[in-house]
PDB file of all heavy atoms in Angstrom:
ATOM      1  N   PRO A   1       8.318   7.796  -0.366  1.00  0.00           N
ATOM      2  CA  PRO A   1       9.368   8.313   0.548  1.00  0.00           C
ATOM      3  C   PRO A   1      10.667   7.882   0.121  1.00  0.00           C
ATOM      4  O   PRO A   1      10.885   7.021  -0.637  1.00  0.00           O
ATOM      5  CB  PRO A   1       9.015   7.529   1.832  1.00  0.00           C
ATOM      6  CG  PRO A   1       8.313   6.269   1.428  1.00  0.00           C
ATOM      7  CD  PRO A   1       7.539   6.636   0.144  1.00  0.00           C
ATOM      8  N   SER A   2      11.730   8.593   0.612  1.00  0.00           N
ATOM      9  CA  SER A   2      13.019   8.340   0.159  1.00  0.00           C
ATOM     10  C   SER A   2      13.601   7.072   0.858  1.00  0.00           C
ATOM     11  O   SER A   2      14.465   6.444   0.313  1.00  0.00           O
ATOM     12  CB  SER A   2      13.953   9.485   0.613  1.00  0.00           C
ATOM     13  OG  SER A   2      13.775   9.688   1.928  1.00  0.00           O
ATOM     14  N   GLN A   3      13.080   6.681   2.057  1.00  0.00           N
ATOM     15  CA  GLN A   3      13.282   5.471   2.708  1.00  0.00           C
ATOM     16  C   GLN A   3      12.794   4.273   2.147  1.00  0.00           C
ATOM     17  O   GLN A   3      11.494   4.217   2.096  1.00  0.00           O
ATOM     18  CB  GLN A   3      12.906   5.587   4.368  1.00  0.00           C
ATOM     19  CG  GLN A   3      13.312   4.356   5.073  1.00  0.00           C
ATOM     20  CD  GLN A   3      14.813   4.196   5.254  1.00  0.00           C
ATOM     21  OE1 GLN A   3      15.557   5.158   5.221  1.00  0.00           O
ATOM     22  NE2 GLN A   3      15.264   3.051   5.607  1.00  0.00           N
ATOM     23  N   GLU A   4      13.464   3.359   1.682  1.00  0.00           N
ATOM     24  CA  GLU A   4      12.951   2.148   0.929  1.00  0.00           C
ATOM     25  C   GLU A   4      13.409   0.898   1.659  1.00  0.00           C
ATOM     26  O   GLU A   4      13.448  -0.118   1.019  1.00  0.00           O
ATOM     27  CB  GLU A   4      13.420   2.191  -0.519  1.00  0.00           C
ATOM     28  CG  GLU A   4      12.992   3.367  -1.299  1.00  0.00           C
ATOM     29  CD  GLU A   4      13.264   3.172  -2.768  1.00  0.00           C
ATOM     30  OE1 GLU A   4      13.891   2.130  -3.126  1.00  0.00           O
ATOM     31  OE2 GLU A   4      13.046   4.130  -3.551  1.00  0.00           O
ATOM     32  N   LYS A   5      13.578   0.947   2.985  1.00  0.00           N
ATOM     33  CA  LYS A   5      13.862  -0.202   3.813  1.00  0.00           C
ATOM     34  C   LYS A   5      12.682  -0.645   4.792  1.00  0.00           C
ATOM     35  O   LYS A   5      12.006   0.241   5.139  1.00  0.00           O
ATOM     36  CB  LYS A   5      15.060   0.047   4.648  1.00  0.00           C
ATOM     37  CG  LYS A   5      16.399   0.141   3.788  1.00  0.00           C
ATOM     38  CD  LYS A   5      17.565   0.331   4.720  1.00  0.00           C
ATOM     39  CE  LYS A   5      18.867   0.354   3.832  1.00  0.00           C
ATOM     40  NZ  LYS A   5      20.114   0.443   4.720  1.00  0.00           N
ATOM     41  N   CYS A   6      12.575  -1.859   4.908  1.00  0.00           N
ATOM     42  CA  CYS A   6      11.442  -2.427   5.669  1.00  0.00           C
ATOM     43  C   CYS A   6      11.504  -1.846   7.226  1.00  0.00           C
ATOM     44  O   CYS A   6      12.635  -1.953   7.762  1.00  0.00           O
ATOM     45  CB  CYS A   6      11.484  -3.972   5.701  1.00  0.00           C
ATOM     46  SG  CYS A   6      10.211  -4.670   6.908  1.00  0.00           S
ATOM     47  N   PRO A   7      10.450  -1.326   7.673  1.00  0.00           N
ATOM     48  CA  PRO A   7      10.487  -0.815   9.000  1.00  0.00           C
ATOM     49  C   PRO A   7      10.502  -1.850  10.142  1.00  0.00           C
ATOM     50  O   PRO A   7      10.810  -1.591  11.278  1.00  0.00           O
ATOM     51  CB  PRO A   7       9.053  -0.058   9.119  1.00  0.00           C
ATOM     52  CG  PRO A   7       8.231  -0.804   8.152  1.00  0.00           C
ATOM     53  CD  PRO A   7       9.188  -1.064   6.954  1.00  0.00           C
ATOM     54  N   LEU A   8      10.426  -3.201   9.769  1.00  0.00           N
ATOM     55  CA  LEU A   8      10.416  -4.271  10.661  1.00  0.00           C
ATOM     56  C   LEU A   8      11.817  -4.916  10.732  1.00  0.00           C
ATOM     57  O   LEU A   8      12.385  -5.139  11.801  1.00  0.00           O
ATOM     58  CB  LEU A   8       9.379  -5.242  10.411  1.00  0.00           C
ATOM     59  CG  LEU A   8       7.990  -4.794  10.463  1.00  0.00           C
ATOM     60  CD1 LEU A   8       7.089  -6.008  10.378  1.00  0.00           C
ATOM     61  CD2 LEU A   8       7.621  -4.227  11.748  1.00  0.00           C
ATOM     62  N   CYS A   9      12.427  -5.191   9.610  1.00  0.00           N
ATOM     63  CA  CYS A   9      13.725  -5.979   9.545  1.00  0.00           C
ATOM     64  C   CYS A   9      14.797  -5.148   8.774  1.00  0.00           C
ATOM     65  O   CYS A   9      15.948  -5.634   8.834  1.00  0.00           O
ATOM     66  CB  CYS A   9      13.337  -7.353   8.876  1.00  0.00           C
ATOM     67  SG  CYS A   9      13.228  -7.210   7.136  1.00  0.00           S
ATOM     68  N   GLY A  10      14.524  -4.165   8.284  1.00  0.00           N
ATOM     69  CA  GLY A  10      15.517  -3.273   7.583  1.00  0.00           C
ATOM     70  C   GLY A  10      15.976  -3.731   6.144  1.00  0.00           C
ATOM     71  O   GLY A  10      16.777  -3.104   5.563  1.00  0.00           O
ATOM     72  N   SER A  11      15.284  -4.872   5.662  1.00  0.00           N
ATOM     73  CA  SER A  11      15.605  -5.332   4.232  1.00  0.00           C
ATOM     74  C   SER A  11      15.006  -4.354   3.297  1.00  0.00           C
ATOM     75  O   SER A  11      14.118  -3.527   3.628  1.00  0.00           O
ATOM     76  CB  SER A  11      14.943  -6.730   4.066  1.00  0.00           C
ATOM     77  OG  SER A  11      15.530  -7.612   4.996  1.00  0.00           O
ATOM     78  N   LYS A  12      15.498  -4.458   2.127  1.00  0.00           N
ATOM     79  CA  LYS A  12      14.920  -3.682   0.911  1.00  0.00           C
ATOM     80  C   LYS A  12      13.532  -3.978   0.656  1.00  0.00           C
ATOM     81  O   LYS A  12      13.209  -5.061   0.523  1.00  0.00           O
ATOM     82  CB  LYS A  12      15.826  -3.791  -0.250  1.00  0.00           C
ATOM     83  CG  LYS A  12      15.535  -2.846  -1.495  1.00  0.00           C
ATOM     84  CD  LYS A  12      16.384  -3.008  -2.576  1.00  0.00           C
ATOM     85  CE  LYS A  12      16.096  -2.135  -3.836  1.00  0.00           C
ATOM     86  NZ  LYS A  12      16.033  -0.818  -3.490  1.00  0.00           N
ATOM     87  N   LEU A  13      12.743  -2.923   0.462  1.00  0.00           N
ATOM     88  CA  LEU A  13      11.262  -3.158   0.130  1.00  0.00           C
ATOM     89  C   LEU A  13      11.111  -3.119  -1.339  1.00  0.00           C
ATOM     90  O   LEU A  13      11.773  -2.388  -2.103  1.00  0.00           O
ATOM     91  CB  LEU A  13      10.494  -1.908   0.763  1.00  0.00           C
ATOM     92  CG  LEU A  13      10.177  -1.861   2.248  1.00  0.00           C
ATOM     93  CD1 LEU A  13       9.618  -0.534   2.519  1.00  0.00           C
ATOM     94  CD2 LEU A  13       9.410  -3.047   2.704  1.00  0.00           C
ATOM     95  N   GLU A  14      10.144  -3.896  -1.791  1.00  0.00           N
ATOM     96  CA  GLU A  14       9.576  -3.892  -3.202  1.00  0.00           C
ATOM     97  C   GLU A  14       8.511  -2.830  -3.204  1.00  0.00           C
ATOM     98  O   GLU A  14       7.654  -2.939  -2.275  1.00  0.00           O
ATOM     99  CB  GLU A  14       9.122  -5.242  -3.589  1.00  0.00           C
ATOM    100  CG  GLU A  14       8.562  -5.369  -5.061  1.00  0.00           C
ATOM    101  CD  GLU A  14       8.015  -6.591  -5.509  1.00  0.00           C
ATOM    102  OE1 GLU A  14       8.184  -7.602  -4.734  1.00  0.00           O
ATOM    103  OE2 GLU A  14       7.522  -6.608  -6.542  1.00  0.00           O
ATOM    104  N   ILE A  15       8.512  -1.907  -4.067  1.00  0.00           N
ATOM    105  CA  ILE A  15       7.501  -0.783  -4.062  1.00  0.00           C
ATOM    106  C   ILE A  15       6.679  -0.846  -5.371  1.00  0.00           C
ATOM    107  O   ILE A  15       7.311  -0.985  -6.434  1.00  0.00           O
ATOM    108  CB  ILE A  15       8.206   0.504  -3.904  1.00  0.00           C
ATOM    109  CG1 ILE A  15       9.028   0.529  -2.492  1.00  0.00           C
ATOM    110  CG2 ILE A  15       7.134   1.587  -3.860  1.00  0.00           C
ATOM    111  CD1 ILE A  15       9.784   1.742  -2.311  1.00  0.00           C
ATOM    112  N   GLY A  16       5.365  -0.744  -5.313  1.00  0.00           N
ATOM    113  CA  GLY A  16       4.595  -0.658  -6.508  1.00  0.00           C
ATOM    114  C   GLY A  16       3.733   0.670  -6.428  1.00  0.00           C
ATOM    115  O   GLY A  16       3.321   1.075  -5.478  1.00  0.00           O
ATOM    116  N   GLY A  17       3.482   1.188  -7.658  1.00  0.00           N
ATOM    117  CA  GLY A  17       2.669   2.421  -7.671  1.00  0.00           C
ATOM    118  C   GLY A  17       3.281   3.465  -8.612  1.00  0.00           C
ATOM    119  O   GLY A  17       4.352   3.284  -9.310  1.00  0.00           O
ATOM    120  N   PRO A  18       2.691   4.620  -8.612  1.00  0.00           N
ATOM    121  CA  PRO A  18       1.621   5.085  -7.738  1.00  0.00           C
ATOM    122  C   PRO A  18       0.309   4.238  -8.103  1.00  0.00           C
ATOM    123  O   PRO A  18       0.098   3.790  -9.143  1.00  0.00           O
ATOM    124  CB  PRO A  18       1.363   6.609  -8.097  1.00  0.00           C
ATOM    125  CG  PRO A  18       1.964   6.709  -9.467  1.00  0.00           C
ATOM    126  CD  PRO A  18       3.090   5.623  -9.558  1.00  0.00           C
ATOM    127  N   LEU A  19      -0.626   4.162  -7.066  1.00  0.00           N
ATOM    128  CA  LEU A  19      -1.755   3.460  -7.241  1.00  0.00           C
ATOM    129  C   LEU A  19      -2.991   4.037  -6.336  1.00  0.00           C
ATOM    130  O   LEU A  19      -2.628   5.012  -5.559  1.00  0.00           O
ATOM    131  CB  LEU A  19      -1.616   1.875  -6.783  1.00  0.00           C
ATOM    132  CG  LEU A  19      -0.691   1.576  -5.545  1.00  0.00           C
ATOM    133  CD1 LEU A  19      -1.460   1.947  -4.278  1.00  0.00           C
ATOM    134  CD2 LEU A  19      -0.360   0.121  -5.542  1.00  0.00           C
ATOM    135  N   TRP A  20      -4.127   3.475  -6.308  1.00  0.00           N
ATOM    136  CA  TRP A  20      -5.198   4.036  -5.484  1.00  0.00           C
ATOM    137  C   TRP A  20      -5.037   3.305  -4.138  1.00  0.00           C
ATOM    138  O   TRP A  20      -5.100   2.086  -3.875  1.00  0.00           O
ATOM    139  CB  TRP A  20      -6.431   3.491  -6.205  1.00  0.00           C
ATOM    140  CG  TRP A  20      -7.656   3.962  -5.426  1.00  0.00           C
ATOM    141  CD1 TRP A  20      -8.551   3.238  -4.746  1.00  0.00           C
ATOM    142  CD2 TRP A  20      -8.231   5.250  -5.405  1.00  0.00           C
ATOM    143  NE1 TRP A  20      -9.552   3.932  -4.220  1.00  0.00           N
ATOM    144  CE2 TRP A  20      -9.460   5.224  -4.584  1.00  0.00           C
ATOM    145  CE3 TRP A  20      -7.737   6.541  -5.923  1.00  0.00           C
ATOM    146  CZ2 TRP A  20     -10.171   6.333  -4.382  1.00  0.00           C
ATOM    147  CZ3 TRP A  20      -8.495   7.623  -5.672  1.00  0.00           C
ATOM    148  CH2 TRP A  20      -9.754   7.505  -4.861  1.00  0.00           C
ATOM    149  N   ALA A  21      -4.993   4.171  -3.087  1.00  0.00           N
ATOM    150  CA  ALA A  21      -4.841   3.724  -1.748  1.00  0.00           C
ATOM    151  C   ALA A  21      -6.094   3.831  -0.986  1.00  0.00           C
ATOM    152  O   ALA A  21      -6.171   3.486   0.239  1.00  0.00           O
ATOM    153  CB  ALA A  21      -3.702   4.550  -0.966  1.00  0.00           C
ATOM    154  N   GLY A  22      -7.224   4.252  -1.645  1.00  0.00           N
ATOM    155  CA  GLY A  22      -8.504   4.422  -0.887  1.00  0.00           C
ATOM    156  C   GLY A  22      -9.225   3.021  -0.905  1.00  0.00           C
ATOM    157  O   GLY A  22      -8.672   1.928  -1.387  1.00  0.00           O
ATOM    158  N   ILE A  23     -10.481   3.144  -0.671  1.00  0.00           N
ATOM    159  CA  ILE A  23     -11.397   1.789  -0.547  1.00  0.00           C
ATOM    160  C   ILE A  23     -11.543   1.409  -1.993  1.00  0.00           C
ATOM    161  O   ILE A  23     -11.722   2.284  -3.007  1.00  0.00           O
ATOM    162  CB  ILE A  23     -12.660   1.947   0.189  1.00  0.00           C
ATOM    163  CG1 ILE A  23     -13.558   2.949  -0.525  1.00  0.00           C
ATOM    164  CG2 ILE A  23     -12.375   2.433   1.583  1.00  0.00           C
ATOM    165  CD1 ILE A  23     -15.004   2.826  -0.070  1.00  0.00           C
ATOM    166  N   ILE A  24     -11.602   0.102  -2.272  1.00  0.00           N
ATOM    167  CA  ILE A  24     -11.902  -0.336  -3.546  1.00  0.00           C
ATOM    168  C   ILE A  24     -13.287  -1.107  -3.672  1.00  0.00           C
ATOM    169  O   ILE A  24     -13.676  -1.522  -4.706  1.00  0.00           O
ATOM    170  CB  ILE A  24     -10.789  -1.253  -4.116  1.00  0.00           C
ATOM    171  CG1 ILE A  24     -10.616  -2.456  -3.201  1.00  0.00           C
ATOM    172  CG2 ILE A  24      -9.510  -0.449  -4.286  1.00  0.00           C
ATOM    173  CD1 ILE A  24      -9.630  -3.493  -3.745  1.00  0.00           C
ATOM    174  N   ASN A  25     -13.947  -1.215  -2.554  1.00  0.00           N
ATOM    175  CA  ASN A  25     -15.386  -1.795  -2.461  1.00  0.00           C
ATOM    176  C   ASN A  25     -16.102  -1.073  -1.447  1.00  0.00           C
ATOM    177  O   ASN A  25     -15.769  -0.971  -0.342  1.00  0.00           O
ATOM    178  CB  ASN A  25     -15.283  -3.307  -2.204  1.00  0.00           C
ATOM    179  CG  ASN A  25     -14.915  -4.179  -3.323  1.00  0.00           C
ATOM    180  OD1 ASN A  25     -15.571  -4.223  -4.386  1.00  0.00           O
ATOM    181  ND2 ASN A  25     -13.719  -4.600  -3.343  1.00  0.00           N
ATOM    182  N   ASP A  26     -17.362  -0.615  -1.758  1.00  0.00           N
ATOM    183  CA  ASP A  26     -18.259   0.098  -0.972  1.00  0.00           C
ATOM    184  C   ASP A  26     -19.293  -1.002  -0.439  1.00  0.00           C
ATOM    185  O   ASP A  26     -19.999  -1.549  -1.220  1.00  0.00           O
ATOM    186  CB  ASP A  26     -18.925   1.193  -1.733  1.00  0.00           C
ATOM    187  CG  ASP A  26     -19.848   1.966  -0.814  1.00  0.00           C
ATOM    188  OD1 ASP A  26     -20.572   1.392   0.057  1.00  0.00           O
ATOM    189  OD2 ASP A  26     -19.966   3.281  -1.011  1.00  0.00           O
ATOM    190  N   LYS A  27     -19.269  -1.171   0.931  1.00  0.00           N
ATOM    191  CA  LYS A  27     -20.213  -2.266   1.345  1.00  0.00           C
ATOM    192  C   LYS A  27     -21.646  -1.935   1.120  1.00  0.00           C
ATOM    193  O   LYS A  27     -22.498  -2.824   0.827  1.00  0.00           O
ATOM    194  CB  LYS A  27     -19.920  -2.319   2.947  1.00  0.00           C
ATOM    195  CG  LYS A  27     -18.597  -2.785   3.399  1.00  0.00           C
ATOM    196  CD  LYS A  27     -18.344  -4.198   3.064  1.00  0.00           C
ATOM    197  CE  LYS A  27     -16.975  -4.661   3.640  1.00  0.00           C
ATOM    198  NZ  LYS A  27     -16.688  -6.063   3.297  1.00  0.00           N
ATOM    199  N   LYS A  28     -22.065  -0.725   1.214  1.00  0.00           N
ATOM    200  CA  LYS A  28     -23.508  -0.289   0.824  1.00  0.00           C
ATOM    201  C   LYS A  28     -23.806  -0.728  -0.710  1.00  0.00           C
ATOM    202  O   LYS A  28     -24.863  -1.271  -0.940  1.00  0.00           O
ATOM    203  CB  LYS A  28     -23.655   1.130   1.100  1.00  0.00           C
ATOM    204  CG  LYS A  28     -23.689   1.443   2.570  1.00  0.00           C
ATOM    205  CD  LYS A  28     -24.132   2.951   2.779  1.00  0.00           C
ATOM    206  CE  LYS A  28     -24.037   3.284   4.313  1.00  0.00           C
ATOM    207  NZ  LYS A  28     -24.334   4.703   4.495  1.00  0.00           N
ATOM    208  N   ALA A  29     -22.926  -0.492  -1.498  1.00  0.00           N
ATOM    209  CA  ALA A  29     -23.089  -0.664  -2.919  1.00  0.00           C
ATOM    210  C   ALA A  29     -23.157  -2.278  -3.105  1.00  0.00           C
ATOM    211  O   ALA A  29     -24.020  -2.768  -3.841  1.00  0.00           O
ATOM    212  CB  ALA A  29     -21.942  -0.113  -3.786  1.00  0.00           C
ATOM    213  N   LEU A  30     -22.344  -3.051  -2.531  1.00  0.00           N
ATOM    214  CA  LEU A  30     -22.286  -4.507  -2.573  1.00  0.00           C
ATOM    215  C   LEU A  30     -23.680  -5.078  -2.164  1.00  0.00           C
ATOM    216  O   LEU A  30     -24.216  -5.963  -2.775  1.00  0.00           O
ATOM    217  CB  LEU A  30     -21.218  -5.075  -1.776  1.00  0.00           C
ATOM    218  CG  LEU A  30     -19.780  -4.720  -2.282  1.00  0.00           C
ATOM    219  CD1 LEU A  30     -18.757  -5.215  -1.285  1.00  0.00           C
ATOM    220  CD2 LEU A  30     -19.480  -5.273  -3.700  1.00  0.00           C
ATOM    221  N   ILE A  31     -24.160  -4.520  -0.965  1.00  0.00           N
ATOM    222  CA  ILE A  31     -25.481  -4.976  -0.496  1.00  0.00           C
ATOM    223  C   ILE A  31     -26.559  -4.865  -1.438  1.00  0.00           C
ATOM    224  O   ILE A  31     -27.466  -5.664  -1.777  1.00  0.00           O
ATOM    225  CB  ILE A  31     -25.895  -4.359   0.720  1.00  0.00           C
ATOM    226  CG1 ILE A  31     -24.862  -4.870   1.849  1.00  0.00           C
ATOM    227  CG2 ILE A  31     -27.291  -4.658   1.245  1.00  0.00           C
ATOM    228  CD1 ILE A  31     -24.940  -4.071   3.236  1.00  0.00           C
TER     229      ILE A  31
END
């Protein structure tokens, strides 16, 4: 997004990515 300020306090956000935003562990697979 173009907005890079914290939605809670308005401070500047540190941003990382692009990255995987989905699950990284499948519970069934772990079992």
